[in-house]
């Protein structure tokens, strides 16, 4: 059964959790052949009720010591645009769809997602466009994030936050 792992990192991103568990997005995931959705909800107030049926399973947790296994075994990761979550997912070679929190001021997350998308490593969207992005993205077109590119990534981050 194909699975999707959703992570908000150590923060909260209630809009993403609400969006990814909406009927529209669940239906899009099912149409794409996904039967399992695992949510890491962080410290958010939105806490969906887990369920399991013959067609679909929803699992929910706040934190684990490590989410490496969830990232490694997922067929798709949907993540906030935090640098740590992006790097870990790209390093694992798991396809990544970043959902940018457009409510943040001075949104370096958008710059990061845009650059990694331009380099062909991931897709990105907002909560409003998540369902449409899922339906139109081609995961086979993504370029691997090769080992040794962490320096390039760190230099981009330094530039994005004004350290260079």
Foldseek 3Di string as FASTA:
>chain_A
DAEEEEEAPQDADPLQVCLCPDPLNVVLCLVVPHAEYEYQGHPYPDFDDWDDDPRHTYHYDHDDPDCLVVLLRHQEYEYALDPVVVVSNLVSVHAYEYAYDPVDPLGLSVVLQVVQVVVQAYHYYHSVCVSVCSNPDDSVRGDRPDPPCVVVSVVSVCVSVVVD
